[in-house]
Amino acid sequence: MMIEWKNDMSVGIEEFDAHHKRIIDLIDRLDASLKTGHARKVTREALAELSNFSLYHFLRRKKLWESVIIWNTVSTKTSM
């Protein structure tokens, strides 16, 4: 199940588009290791890398949205 990046998948934020491309690559690598019957170690490592990077990605997203919320709150208060 190869996933191919398409421009319509873009969220318009370069950092997160790069994250999504990497996640797609990791999913493809995991899929390939399962299909080719590689040793469990390879599959386990690919799954761990996917899990770790996904956690990193969602923590970065959370941090971005928190900064947007704080900026909007401060901006709203100063414009009153």
N, C-alpha and C. Protein backbone atom coordinates (compact mmCIF):
# COMPACT_ATOMS: atom_id res chain seq x y z
N MET A 1 0.84 -1.17 0.00
CA MET A 1 0.00 0.00 0.00
C MET A 1 0.89 1.24 0.00
N MET A 2 1.54 1.48 -1.06
CA MET A 2 2.39 2.67 -1.16
C MET A 2 1.51 3.92 -1.15
N ILE A 3 1.88 4.86 -0.32
CA ILE A 3 1.18 6.14 -0.27
C ILE A 3 2.06 7.14 -1.00
N GLU A 4 1.47 7.86 -1.90
CA GLU A 4 2.23 8.85 -2.66
C GLU A 4 1.78 10.25 -2.25
N TRP A 5 2.74 11.10 -1.90
CA TRP A 5 2.44 12.48 -1.53
C TRP A 5 1.87 13.21 -2.73
N LYS A 6 0.78 13.92 -2.48
CA LYS A 6 0.18 14.76 -3.53
C LYS A 6 0.03 16.16 -2.96
N ASN A 7 0.15 17.14 -3.83
CA ASN A 7 0.08 18.54 -3.37
C ASN A 7 -1.22 18.88 -2.65
N ASP A 8 -2.30 18.18 -2.98
CA ASP A 8 -3.56 18.49 -2.29
C ASP A 8 -3.57 17.98 -0.84
N MET A 9 -2.52 17.28 -0.44
CA MET A 9 -2.37 16.85 0.96
C MET A 9 -1.74 17.95 1.81
N SER A 10 -1.22 18.97 1.17
CA SER A 10 -0.52 20.04 1.86
C SER A 10 -1.44 20.76 2.83
N VAL A 11 -0.87 21.09 4.00
CA VAL A 11 -1.61 21.89 4.99
C VAL A 11 -1.18 23.35 4.91
N GLY A 12 -0.24 23.65 4.02
CA GLY A 12 0.19 25.02 3.81
C GLY A 12 1.25 25.51 4.80
N ILE A 13 1.73 24.62 5.64
CA ILE A 13 2.81 24.95 6.57
C ILE A 13 3.96 24.01 6.24
N GLU A 14 5.04 24.58 5.73
CA GLU A 14 6.14 23.78 5.19
C GLU A 14 6.66 22.75 6.19
N GLU A 15 6.83 23.15 7.44
CA GLU A 15 7.35 22.22 8.46
C GLU A 15 6.44 20.99 8.58
N PHE A 16 5.13 21.22 8.61
CA PHE A 16 4.21 20.11 8.79
C PHE A 16 4.02 19.30 7.52
N ASP A 17 4.14 19.93 6.37
CA ASP A 17 4.13 19.17 5.12
C ASP A 17 5.33 18.22 5.10
N ALA A 18 6.49 18.71 5.54
CA ALA A 18 7.68 17.85 5.61
C ALA A 18 7.46 16.71 6.59
N HIS A 19 6.82 17.00 7.72
CA HIS A 19 6.50 15.94 8.69
C HIS A 19 5.60 14.89 8.04
N HIS A 20 4.56 15.37 7.37
CA HIS A 20 3.62 14.43 6.75
C HIS A 20 4.30 13.58 5.69
N LYS A 21 5.20 14.17 4.93
CA LYS A 21 5.94 13.40 3.92
C LYS A 21 6.79 12.33 4.60
N ARG A 22 7.40 12.69 5.73
CA ARG A 22 8.23 11.70 6.44
C ARG A 22 7.36 10.58 7.01
N ILE A 23 6.21 10.94 7.56
CA ILE A 23 5.31 9.92 8.10
C ILE A 23 4.86 8.97 7.00
N ILE A 24 4.55 9.51 5.82
CA ILE A 24 4.18 8.67 4.68
C ILE A 24 5.33 7.73 4.33
N ASP A 25 6.55 8.26 4.31
CA ASP A 25 7.73 7.43 4.01
C ASP A 25 7.89 6.32 5.06
N LEU A 26 7.70 6.65 6.32
CA LEU A 26 7.82 5.65 7.38
C LEU A 26 6.75 4.57 7.25
N ILE A 27 5.53 4.98 6.92
CA ILE A 27 4.45 4.00 6.71
C ILE A 27 4.80 3.08 5.54
N ASP A 28 5.31 3.67 4.46
CA ASP A 28 5.69 2.87 3.29
C ASP A 28 6.82 1.89 3.64
N ARG A 29 7.79 2.34 4.43
CA ARG A 29 8.88 1.46 4.83
C ARG A 29 8.37 0.32 5.72
N LEU A 30 7.47 0.64 6.63
CA LEU A 30 6.89 -0.39 7.48
C LEU A 30 6.12 -1.40 6.64
N ASP A 31 5.32 -0.90 5.71
CA ASP A 31 4.56 -1.77 4.82
C ASP A 31 5.49 -2.68 4.02
N ALA A 32 6.56 -2.12 3.49
CA ALA A 32 7.51 -2.91 2.70
C ALA A 32 8.17 -3.99 3.55
N SER A 33 8.50 -3.66 4.80
CA SER A 33 9.15 -4.66 5.65
C SER A 33 8.19 -5.80 5.97
N LEU A 34 6.91 -5.48 6.12
CA LEU A 34 5.92 -6.52 6.38
C LEU A 34 5.71 -7.40 5.14
N LYS A 35 5.66 -6.77 3.97
CA LYS A 35 5.41 -7.53 2.72
C LYS A 35 6.57 -8.43 2.34
N THR A 36 7.79 -7.99 2.63
CA THR A 36 8.96 -8.77 2.22
C THR A 36 9.36 -9.80 3.26
N GLY A 37 8.65 -9.82 4.38
CA GLY A 37 8.94 -10.81 5.40
C GLY A 37 10.26 -10.59 6.11
N HIS A 38 10.69 -9.34 6.19
CA HIS A 38 11.92 -9.05 6.93
C HIS A 38 11.78 -9.51 8.38
N ALA A 39 12.88 -9.64 8.99
CA ALA A 39 12.90 -10.07 10.38
C ALA A 39 12.06 -9.15 11.25
N ARG A 40 11.56 -9.69 12.30
CA ARG A 40 10.74 -8.90 13.22
C ARG A 40 11.47 -7.66 13.71
N LYS A 41 12.77 -7.75 13.84
CA LYS A 41 13.56 -6.61 14.31
C LYS A 41 13.37 -5.40 13.40
N VAL A 42 13.42 -5.61 12.09
CA VAL A 42 13.27 -4.52 11.12
C VAL A 42 11.89 -3.91 11.25
N THR A 43 10.88 -4.77 11.32
CA THR A 43 9.51 -4.29 11.45
C THR A 43 9.33 -3.54 12.77
N ARG A 44 9.87 -4.08 13.85
CA ARG A 44 9.78 -3.44 15.16
C ARG A 44 10.46 -2.08 15.14
N GLU A 45 11.63 -1.99 14.51
CA GLU A 45 12.35 -0.71 14.43
C GLU A 45 11.57 0.31 13.60
N ALA A 46 11.01 -0.14 12.48
CA ALA A 46 10.23 0.77 11.63
C ALA A 46 9.00 1.27 12.37
N LEU A 47 8.34 0.40 13.09
CA LEU A 47 7.16 0.78 13.85
C LEU A 47 7.53 1.74 14.99
N ALA A 48 8.64 1.50 15.65
CA ALA A 48 9.10 2.39 16.72
C ALA A 48 9.43 3.77 16.17
N GLU A 49 10.09 3.82 15.03
CA GLU A 49 10.43 5.11 14.42
C GLU A 49 9.17 5.86 14.01
N LEU A 50 8.21 5.16 13.45
CA LEU A 50 6.94 5.79 13.08
C LEU A 50 6.23 6.32 14.32
N SER A 51 6.20 5.54 15.36
CA SER A 51 5.55 5.95 16.61
C SER A 51 6.24 7.17 17.21
N ASN A 52 7.55 7.14 17.30
CA ASN A 52 8.31 8.24 17.89
C ASN A 52 8.16 9.52 17.08
N PHE A 53 8.24 9.41 15.76
CA PHE A 53 8.13 10.62 14.94
C PHE A 53 6.72 11.18 14.98
N SER A 54 5.73 10.30 15.01
CA SER A 54 4.34 10.78 15.10
C SER A 54 4.12 11.55 16.39
N LEU A 55 4.67 11.05 17.49
CA LEU A 55 4.57 11.76 18.77
C LEU A 55 5.24 13.13 18.66
N TYR A 56 6.44 13.18 18.09
CA TYR A 56 7.14 14.45 17.89
C TYR A 56 6.28 15.41 17.07
N HIS A 57 5.70 14.91 15.98
CA HIS A 57 4.88 15.74 15.09
C HIS A 57 3.69 16.34 15.85
N PHE A 58 2.99 15.52 16.60
CA PHE A 58 1.80 16.04 17.29
C PHE A 58 2.16 16.98 18.43
N LEU A 59 3.31 16.78 19.06
CA LEU A 59 3.76 17.75 20.07
C LEU A 59 4.11 19.08 19.43
N ARG A 60 4.72 19.07 18.25
CA ARG A 60 5.03 20.31 17.52
C ARG A 60 3.74 21.02 17.11
N ARG A 61 2.76 20.26 16.63
CA ARG A 61 1.47 20.86 16.27
C ARG A 61 0.81 21.51 17.47
N LYS A 62 0.84 20.81 18.59
CA LYS A 62 0.24 21.34 19.81
C LYS A 62 0.93 22.65 20.21
N LYS A 63 2.25 22.66 20.14
CA LYS A 63 3.00 23.86 20.50
C LYS A 63 2.64 25.03 19.57
N LEU A 64 2.52 24.75 18.28
CA LEU A 64 2.15 25.79 17.32
C LEU A 64 0.77 26.35 17.65
N TRP A 65 -0.20 25.46 17.85
CA TRP A 65 -1.56 25.93 18.12
C TRP A 65 -1.64 26.68 19.44
N GLU A 66 -0.89 26.25 20.43
CA GLU A 66 -0.86 27.00 21.69
C GLU A 66 -0.32 28.40 21.48
N SER A 67 0.71 28.53 20.65
CA SER A 67 1.28 29.86 20.40
C SER A 67 0.30 30.73 19.62
N VAL A 68 -0.46 30.12 18.71
CA VAL A 68 -1.48 30.87 17.95
C VAL A 68 -2.57 31.35 18.90
N ILE A 69 -3.02 30.48 19.80
CA ILE A 69 -4.06 30.85 20.76
C ILE A 69 -3.57 31.97 21.67
N ILE A 70 -2.36 31.86 22.17
CA ILE A 70 -1.80 32.91 23.04
C ILE A 70 -1.68 34.21 22.27
N TRP A 71 -1.17 34.16 21.03
CA TRP A 71 -1.01 35.37 20.23
C TRP A 71 -2.37 36.01 19.98
N ASN A 72 -3.37 35.21 19.63
CA ASN A 72 -4.71 35.75 19.40
C ASN A 72 -5.30 36.37 20.66
N THR A 73 -5.05 35.74 21.80
CA THR A 73 -5.56 36.27 23.07
C THR A 73 -4.91 37.61 23.37
N VAL A 74 -3.59 37.69 23.24
CA VAL A 74 -2.87 38.94 23.51
C VAL A 74 -3.28 40.00 22.49
N SER A 75 -3.38 39.62 21.23
CA SER A 75 -3.75 40.56 20.17
C SER A 75 -5.15 41.11 20.41
N THR A 76 -6.07 40.27 20.82
CA THR A 76 -7.44 40.71 21.09
C THR A 76 -7.49 41.67 22.28
N LYS A 77 -6.73 41.35 23.32
CA LYS A 77 -6.73 42.21 24.53
C LYS A 77 -6.11 43.57 24.23
N THR A 78 -5.06 43.61 23.41
CA THR A 78 -4.39 44.89 23.14
C THR A 78 -5.16 45.73 22.14
N SER A 79 -6.07 45.12 21.39
CA SER A 79 -6.82 45.90 20.40
C SER A 79 -8.12 46.47 20.98
N MET A 80 -8.38 46.16 22.24
CA MET A 80 -9.61 46.67 22.87
C MET A 80 -9.43 48.05 23.41
